Amino acid sequence: MIASRFNDAEKQALIDAAAACAMTPSGFLAHAALSAARDLTRTAAQVAGEREVIAELFALRRHLAHVGNNVNQVAKAVNSGADARHAEAVLDAVHRAARRVDAFTEHYLETETRAG
């Protein structure tokens, strides 16, 4: 038996990652650990870089979910004939989210090109 300890943020990150992969946290942890154990040729920098990528992808996913919720609220208001006074702010948030995804993707591709 192997036991692991995580702080609250690490535990939540593990739970979120497992849910995104439709796995249990224990299953996700075992899969990730065994994958790393099978590939000992990777450098610590590569592993750290992947952690950053995964963390940013999950942050982007959460951000897009929040923006999507706001878009749905605006659509509901417009469809019911109500005033959608926050529509412009929501559209600005959509544009900012798209720029964030673009910037992350560009940075990631540049990093991979240099490393590859």
N, C-alpha and C. Protein backbone atom coordinates (compact mmCIF):
# COMPACT_ATOMS: atom_id res chain seq x y z
N MET A 1 0.85 -1.19 0.00
CA MET A 1 0.00 0.00 0.00
C MET A 1 0.89 1.24 0.00
N ILE A 2 0.53 2.20 -0.81
CA ILE A 2 1.22 3.48 -0.87
C ILE A 2 0.21 4.56 -0.55
N ALA A 3 0.53 5.42 0.39
CA ALA A 3 -0.35 6.52 0.74
C ALA A 3 0.29 7.83 0.31
N SER A 4 -0.52 8.76 -0.10
CA SER A 4 -0.04 10.08 -0.52
C SER A 4 -0.77 11.15 0.26
N ARG A 5 -0.09 12.25 0.51
CA ARG A 5 -0.70 13.38 1.20
C ARG A 5 -0.67 14.59 0.26
N PHE A 6 -1.76 15.33 0.29
CA PHE A 6 -1.89 16.51 -0.55
C PHE A 6 -2.44 17.65 0.28
N ASN A 7 -2.01 18.88 -0.03
CA ASN A 7 -2.66 20.01 0.61
C ASN A 7 -4.00 20.21 -0.08
N ASP A 8 -4.81 21.13 0.40
CA ASP A 8 -6.16 21.30 -0.14
C ASP A 8 -6.16 21.65 -1.62
N ALA A 9 -5.25 22.53 -2.04
CA ALA A 9 -5.19 22.94 -3.45
C ALA A 9 -4.76 21.77 -4.33
N GLU A 10 -3.78 21.01 -3.88
CA GLU A 10 -3.32 19.85 -4.64
C GLU A 10 -4.43 18.80 -4.75
N LYS A 11 -5.12 18.59 -3.65
CA LYS A 11 -6.21 17.60 -3.65
C LYS A 11 -7.30 18.02 -4.62
N GLN A 12 -7.65 19.30 -4.61
CA GLN A 12 -8.70 19.78 -5.52
C GLN A 12 -8.24 19.67 -6.97
N ALA A 13 -6.97 19.96 -7.24
CA ALA A 13 -6.45 19.83 -8.59
C ALA A 13 -6.53 18.38 -9.06
N LEU A 14 -6.21 17.46 -8.16
CA LEU A 14 -6.29 16.03 -8.48
C LEU A 14 -7.74 15.62 -8.76
N ILE A 15 -8.66 16.07 -7.94
CA ILE A 15 -10.08 15.76 -8.12
C ILE A 15 -10.58 16.32 -9.46
N ASP A 16 -10.20 17.58 -9.76
CA ASP A 16 -10.62 18.21 -11.01
C ASP A 16 -10.05 17.47 -12.22
N ALA A 17 -8.77 17.11 -12.14
CA ALA A 17 -8.13 16.41 -13.25
C ALA A 17 -8.78 15.05 -13.47
N ALA A 18 -9.04 14.35 -12.39
CA ALA A 18 -9.67 13.03 -12.50
C ALA A 18 -11.06 13.16 -13.12
N ALA A 19 -11.82 14.13 -12.68
CA ALA A 19 -13.17 14.34 -13.22
C ALA A 19 -13.12 14.67 -14.71
N ALA A 20 -12.14 15.48 -15.12
CA ALA A 20 -12.01 15.85 -16.53
C ALA A 20 -11.68 14.64 -17.39
N CYS A 21 -11.07 13.63 -16.80
CA CYS A 21 -10.70 12.40 -17.53
C CYS A 21 -11.71 11.29 -17.28
N ALA A 22 -12.81 11.59 -16.60
CA ALA A 22 -13.83 10.60 -16.25
C ALA A 22 -13.23 9.43 -15.49
N MET A 23 -12.36 9.75 -14.53
CA MET A 23 -11.71 8.73 -13.70
C MET A 23 -11.93 9.07 -12.23
N THR A 24 -11.74 8.08 -11.38
CA THR A 24 -11.74 8.36 -9.95
C THR A 24 -10.41 9.02 -9.61
N PRO A 25 -10.35 9.79 -8.53
CA PRO A 25 -9.06 10.37 -8.14
C PRO A 25 -7.99 9.29 -7.91
N SER A 26 -8.35 8.19 -7.28
CA SER A 26 -7.38 7.12 -7.06
C SER A 26 -6.89 6.52 -8.37
N GLY A 27 -7.81 6.29 -9.29
CA GLY A 27 -7.44 5.75 -10.59
C GLY A 27 -6.57 6.70 -11.38
N PHE A 28 -6.92 7.99 -11.33
CA PHE A 28 -6.13 9.00 -12.03
C PHE A 28 -4.73 9.07 -11.44
N LEU A 29 -4.64 9.08 -10.13
CA LEU A 29 -3.35 9.15 -9.47
C LEU A 29 -2.49 7.93 -9.82
N ALA A 30 -3.09 6.75 -9.80
CA ALA A 30 -2.34 5.53 -10.15
C ALA A 30 -1.87 5.58 -11.60
N HIS A 31 -2.76 5.99 -12.50
CA HIS A 31 -2.40 6.07 -13.92
C HIS A 31 -1.26 7.06 -14.14
N ALA A 32 -1.36 8.24 -13.54
CA ALA A 32 -0.33 9.26 -13.70
C ALA A 32 1.00 8.81 -13.13
N ALA A 33 0.96 8.22 -11.94
CA ALA A 33 2.20 7.76 -11.30
C ALA A 33 2.86 6.64 -12.09
N LEU A 34 2.06 5.70 -12.56
CA LEU A 34 2.62 4.60 -13.34
C LEU A 34 3.16 5.07 -14.68
N SER A 35 2.49 6.02 -15.30
CA SER A 35 2.99 6.58 -16.55
C SER A 35 4.35 7.24 -16.34
N ALA A 36 4.47 7.99 -15.27
CA ALA A 36 5.75 8.63 -14.96
C ALA A 36 6.82 7.59 -14.64
N ALA A 37 6.45 6.56 -13.91
CA ALA A 37 7.42 5.52 -13.52
C ALA A 37 7.92 4.74 -14.73
N ARG A 38 7.10 4.62 -15.75
CA ARG A 38 7.49 3.88 -16.96
C ARG A 38 8.39 4.70 -17.87
N ASP A 39 8.46 6.00 -17.68
CA ASP A 39 9.22 6.88 -18.57
C ASP A 39 10.21 7.71 -17.77
N LEU A 40 11.21 7.05 -17.23
CA LEU A 40 12.18 7.73 -16.38
C LEU A 40 13.19 8.56 -17.16
N THR A 41 13.13 8.54 -18.49
CA THR A 41 14.07 9.33 -19.29
C THR A 41 13.68 10.79 -19.36
N ARG A 42 12.45 11.09 -18.98
CA ARG A 42 12.00 12.49 -19.03
C ARG A 42 12.70 13.31 -17.97
N THR A 43 12.94 14.54 -18.27
CA THR A 43 13.60 15.41 -17.31
C THR A 43 12.58 16.05 -16.38
N ALA A 44 13.07 16.52 -15.25
CA ALA A 44 12.20 17.23 -14.31
C ALA A 44 11.61 18.47 -14.96
N ALA A 45 12.36 19.11 -15.84
CA ALA A 45 11.86 20.31 -16.52
C ALA A 45 10.66 19.98 -17.40
N GLN A 46 10.71 18.83 -18.06
CA GLN A 46 9.58 18.43 -18.89
C GLN A 46 8.34 18.19 -18.03
N VAL A 47 8.52 17.50 -16.92
CA VAL A 47 7.40 17.23 -16.03
C VAL A 47 6.84 18.53 -15.48
N ALA A 48 7.71 19.45 -15.06
CA ALA A 48 7.27 20.75 -14.54
C ALA A 48 6.53 21.52 -15.62
N GLY A 49 7.04 21.48 -16.85
CA GLY A 49 6.38 22.17 -17.96
C GLY A 49 5.00 21.61 -18.22
N GLU A 50 4.87 20.31 -18.15
CA GLU A 50 3.56 19.69 -18.34
C GLU A 50 2.60 20.09 -17.24
N ARG A 51 3.10 20.19 -16.02
CA ARG A 51 2.23 20.62 -14.91
C ARG A 51 1.69 22.01 -15.18
N GLU A 52 2.56 22.90 -15.67
CA GLU A 52 2.13 24.26 -15.97
C GLU A 52 1.07 24.27 -17.07
N VAL A 53 1.29 23.45 -18.10
CA VAL A 53 0.33 23.36 -19.19
C VAL A 53 -1.01 22.85 -18.68
N ILE A 54 -0.98 21.79 -17.91
CA ILE A 54 -2.22 21.22 -17.38
C ILE A 54 -2.93 22.22 -16.47
N ALA A 55 -2.17 22.88 -15.61
CA ALA A 55 -2.78 23.87 -14.71
C ALA A 55 -3.44 24.99 -15.51
N GLU A 56 -2.77 25.48 -16.56
CA GLU A 56 -3.34 26.55 -17.36
C GLU A 56 -4.57 26.06 -18.13
N LEU A 57 -4.53 24.84 -18.63
CA LEU A 57 -5.69 24.30 -19.34
C LEU A 57 -6.90 24.19 -18.41
N PHE A 58 -6.68 23.74 -17.19
CA PHE A 58 -7.80 23.65 -16.25
C PHE A 58 -8.30 25.04 -15.87
N ALA A 59 -7.38 26.01 -15.73
CA ALA A 59 -7.80 27.38 -15.43
C ALA A 59 -8.61 27.95 -16.60
N LEU A 60 -8.15 27.69 -17.82
CA LEU A 60 -8.89 28.14 -19.00
C LEU A 60 -10.27 27.50 -19.06
N ARG A 61 -10.32 26.23 -18.75
CA ARG A 61 -11.60 25.51 -18.78
C ARG A 61 -12.59 26.12 -17.78
N ARG A 62 -12.10 26.40 -16.56
CA ARG A 62 -12.98 27.02 -15.55
C ARG A 62 -13.42 28.40 -16.01
N HIS A 63 -12.48 29.18 -16.56
CA HIS A 63 -12.79 30.53 -17.02
C HIS A 63 -13.85 30.49 -18.13
N LEU A 64 -13.67 29.59 -19.08
CA LEU A 64 -14.63 29.48 -20.17
C LEU A 64 -16.00 29.02 -19.67
N ALA A 65 -16.02 28.17 -18.66
CA ALA A 65 -17.30 27.75 -18.08
C ALA A 65 -18.03 28.93 -17.46
N HIS A 66 -17.30 29.81 -16.76
CA HIS A 66 -17.91 31.00 -16.16
C HIS A 66 -18.44 31.93 -17.25
N VAL A 67 -17.63 32.15 -18.28
CA VAL A 67 -18.05 33.02 -19.38
C VAL A 67 -19.27 32.42 -20.08
N GLY A 68 -19.24 31.11 -20.30
CA GLY A 68 -20.38 30.45 -20.94
C GLY A 68 -21.65 30.61 -20.13
N ASN A 69 -21.53 30.53 -18.83
CA ASN A 69 -22.69 30.73 -17.96
C ASN A 69 -23.24 32.15 -18.14
N ASN A 70 -22.34 33.13 -18.22
CA ASN A 70 -22.78 34.51 -18.41
C ASN A 70 -23.45 34.69 -19.77
N VAL A 71 -22.92 34.05 -20.81
CA VAL A 71 -23.54 34.11 -22.14
C VAL A 71 -24.95 33.53 -22.08
N ASN A 72 -25.11 32.41 -21.39
CA ASN A 72 -26.43 31.79 -21.25
C ASN A 72 -27.41 32.72 -20.53
N GLN A 73 -26.93 33.43 -19.52
CA GLN A 73 -27.80 34.36 -18.80
C GLN A 73 -28.25 35.51 -19.70
N VAL A 74 -27.32 36.01 -20.52
CA VAL A 74 -27.68 37.08 -21.45
C VAL A 74 -28.70 36.56 -22.47
N ALA A 75 -28.46 35.37 -23.01
CA ALA A 75 -29.40 34.80 -23.98
C ALA A 75 -30.78 34.61 -23.38
N LYS A 76 -30.81 34.13 -22.14
CA LYS A 76 -32.10 33.94 -21.46
C LYS A 76 -32.83 35.28 -21.31
N ALA A 77 -32.08 36.31 -20.92
CA ALA A 77 -32.69 37.63 -20.75
C ALA A 77 -33.22 38.16 -22.08
N VAL A 78 -32.42 38.04 -23.14
CA VAL A 78 -32.84 38.53 -24.45
C VAL A 78 -34.07 37.76 -24.94
N ASN A 79 -34.05 36.44 -24.77
CA ASN A 79 -35.17 35.62 -25.23
C ASN A 79 -36.47 35.88 -24.46
N SER A 80 -36.34 36.36 -23.23
CA SER A 80 -37.54 36.65 -22.44
C SER A 80 -37.99 38.10 -22.60
N GLY A 81 -37.27 38.86 -23.41
CA GLY A 81 -37.64 40.25 -23.63
C GLY A 81 -37.09 41.20 -22.59
N ALA A 82 -36.29 40.68 -21.66
CA ALA A 82 -35.72 41.54 -20.62
C ALA A 82 -34.53 42.32 -21.18
N ASP A 83 -34.14 43.34 -20.44
CA ASP A 83 -32.99 44.15 -20.82
C ASP A 83 -31.71 43.37 -20.50
N ALA A 84 -30.87 43.22 -21.48
CA ALA A 84 -29.59 42.52 -21.30
C ALA A 84 -28.48 43.57 -21.18
N ARG A 85 -28.54 44.34 -20.10
CA ARG A 85 -27.63 45.47 -19.94
C ARG A 85 -26.17 45.04 -19.78
N HIS A 86 -25.95 43.78 -19.44
CA HIS A 86 -24.57 43.31 -19.26
C HIS A 86 -24.03 42.58 -20.49
N ALA A 87 -24.79 42.62 -21.58
CA ALA A 87 -24.40 41.89 -22.78
C ALA A 87 -23.03 42.33 -23.30
N GLU A 88 -22.77 43.61 -23.31
CA GLU A 88 -21.49 44.10 -23.82
C GLU A 88 -20.33 43.62 -22.94
N ALA A 89 -20.52 43.65 -21.63
CA ALA A 89 -19.48 43.17 -20.72
C ALA A 89 -19.22 41.68 -20.91
N VAL A 90 -20.30 40.93 -21.15
CA VAL A 90 -20.16 39.49 -21.37
C VAL A 90 -19.40 39.24 -22.68
N LEU A 91 -19.74 39.98 -23.73
CA LEU A 91 -19.03 39.83 -25.00
C LEU A 91 -17.56 40.20 -24.86
N ASP A 92 -17.28 41.23 -24.07
CA ASP A 92 -15.88 41.58 -23.79
C ASP A 92 -15.17 40.42 -23.09
N ALA A 93 -15.86 39.77 -22.16
CA ALA A 93 -15.28 38.62 -21.45
C ALA A 93 -15.02 37.47 -22.41
N VAL A 94 -15.92 37.26 -23.37
CA VAL A 94 -15.71 36.22 -24.38
C VAL A 94 -14.46 36.53 -25.20
N HIS A 95 -14.32 37.77 -25.61
CA HIS A 95 -13.13 38.16 -26.39
C HIS A 95 -11.85 38.00 -25.57
N ARG A 96 -11.89 38.37 -24.30
CA ARG A 96 -10.70 38.21 -23.44
C ARG A 96 -10.36 36.73 -23.28
N ALA A 97 -11.38 35.90 -23.11
CA ALA A 97 -11.15 34.46 -22.98
C ALA A 97 -10.54 33.90 -24.25
N ALA A 98 -11.05 34.32 -25.39
CA ALA A 98 -10.50 33.85 -26.67
C ALA A 98 -9.05 34.27 -26.83
N ARG A 99 -8.74 35.52 -26.44
CA ARG A 99 -7.34 35.98 -26.52
C ARG A 99 -6.45 35.19 -25.57
N ARG A 100 -6.98 34.84 -24.41
CA ARG A 100 -6.21 34.04 -23.45
C ARG A 100 -5.91 32.65 -24.02
N VAL A 101 -6.90 32.04 -24.64
CA VAL A 101 -6.69 30.73 -25.27
C VAL A 101 -5.68 30.86 -26.39
N ASP A 102 -5.80 31.89 -27.21
CA ASP A 102 -4.86 32.10 -28.31
C ASP A 102 -3.44 32.31 -27.79
N ALA A 103 -3.30 33.14 -26.76
CA ALA A 103 -1.97 33.42 -26.20
C ALA A 103 -1.36 32.15 -25.61
N PHE A 104 -2.15 31.39 -24.90
CA PHE A 104 -1.64 30.15 -24.32
C PHE A 104 -1.22 29.18 -25.41
N THR A 105 -2.07 29.02 -26.42
CA THR A 105 -1.76 28.10 -27.52
C THR A 105 -0.49 28.52 -28.24
N GLU A 106 -0.37 29.81 -28.53
CA GLU A 106 0.84 30.31 -29.21
C GLU A 106 2.08 30.07 -28.36
N HIS A 107 1.99 30.37 -27.07
CA HIS A 107 3.13 30.17 -26.17
C HIS A 107 3.49 28.69 -26.11
N TYR A 108 2.50 27.83 -26.00
CA TYR A 108 2.75 26.39 -25.91
C TYR A 108 3.41 25.88 -27.19
N LEU A 109 2.88 26.29 -28.34
CA LEU A 109 3.46 25.83 -29.61
C LEU A 109 4.89 26.34 -29.79
N GLU A 110 5.14 27.57 -29.39
CA GLU A 110 6.51 28.11 -29.48
C GLU A 110 7.45 27.34 -28.57
N THR A 111 6.99 27.03 -27.36
CA THR A 111 7.81 26.27 -26.41
C THR A 111 8.10 24.88 -26.94
N GLU A 112 7.09 24.23 -27.50
CA GLU A 112 7.27 22.87 -28.03
C GLU A 112 8.19 22.87 -29.24
N THR A 113 8.11 23.91 -30.06
CA THR A 113 8.96 24.01 -31.24
C THR A 113 10.42 24.15 -30.82
N ARG A 114 10.68 24.99 -29.81
CA ARG A 114 12.05 25.16 -29.30
C ARG A 114 12.57 23.91 -28.66
N ALA A 115 11.70 23.19 -27.94
CA ALA A 115 12.11 21.98 -27.22
C ALA A 115 12.27 20.78 -28.15
N GLY A 116 11.45 20.78 -29.21
CA GLY A 116 11.38 19.63 -30.09
C GLY A 116 12.51 19.51 -31.01
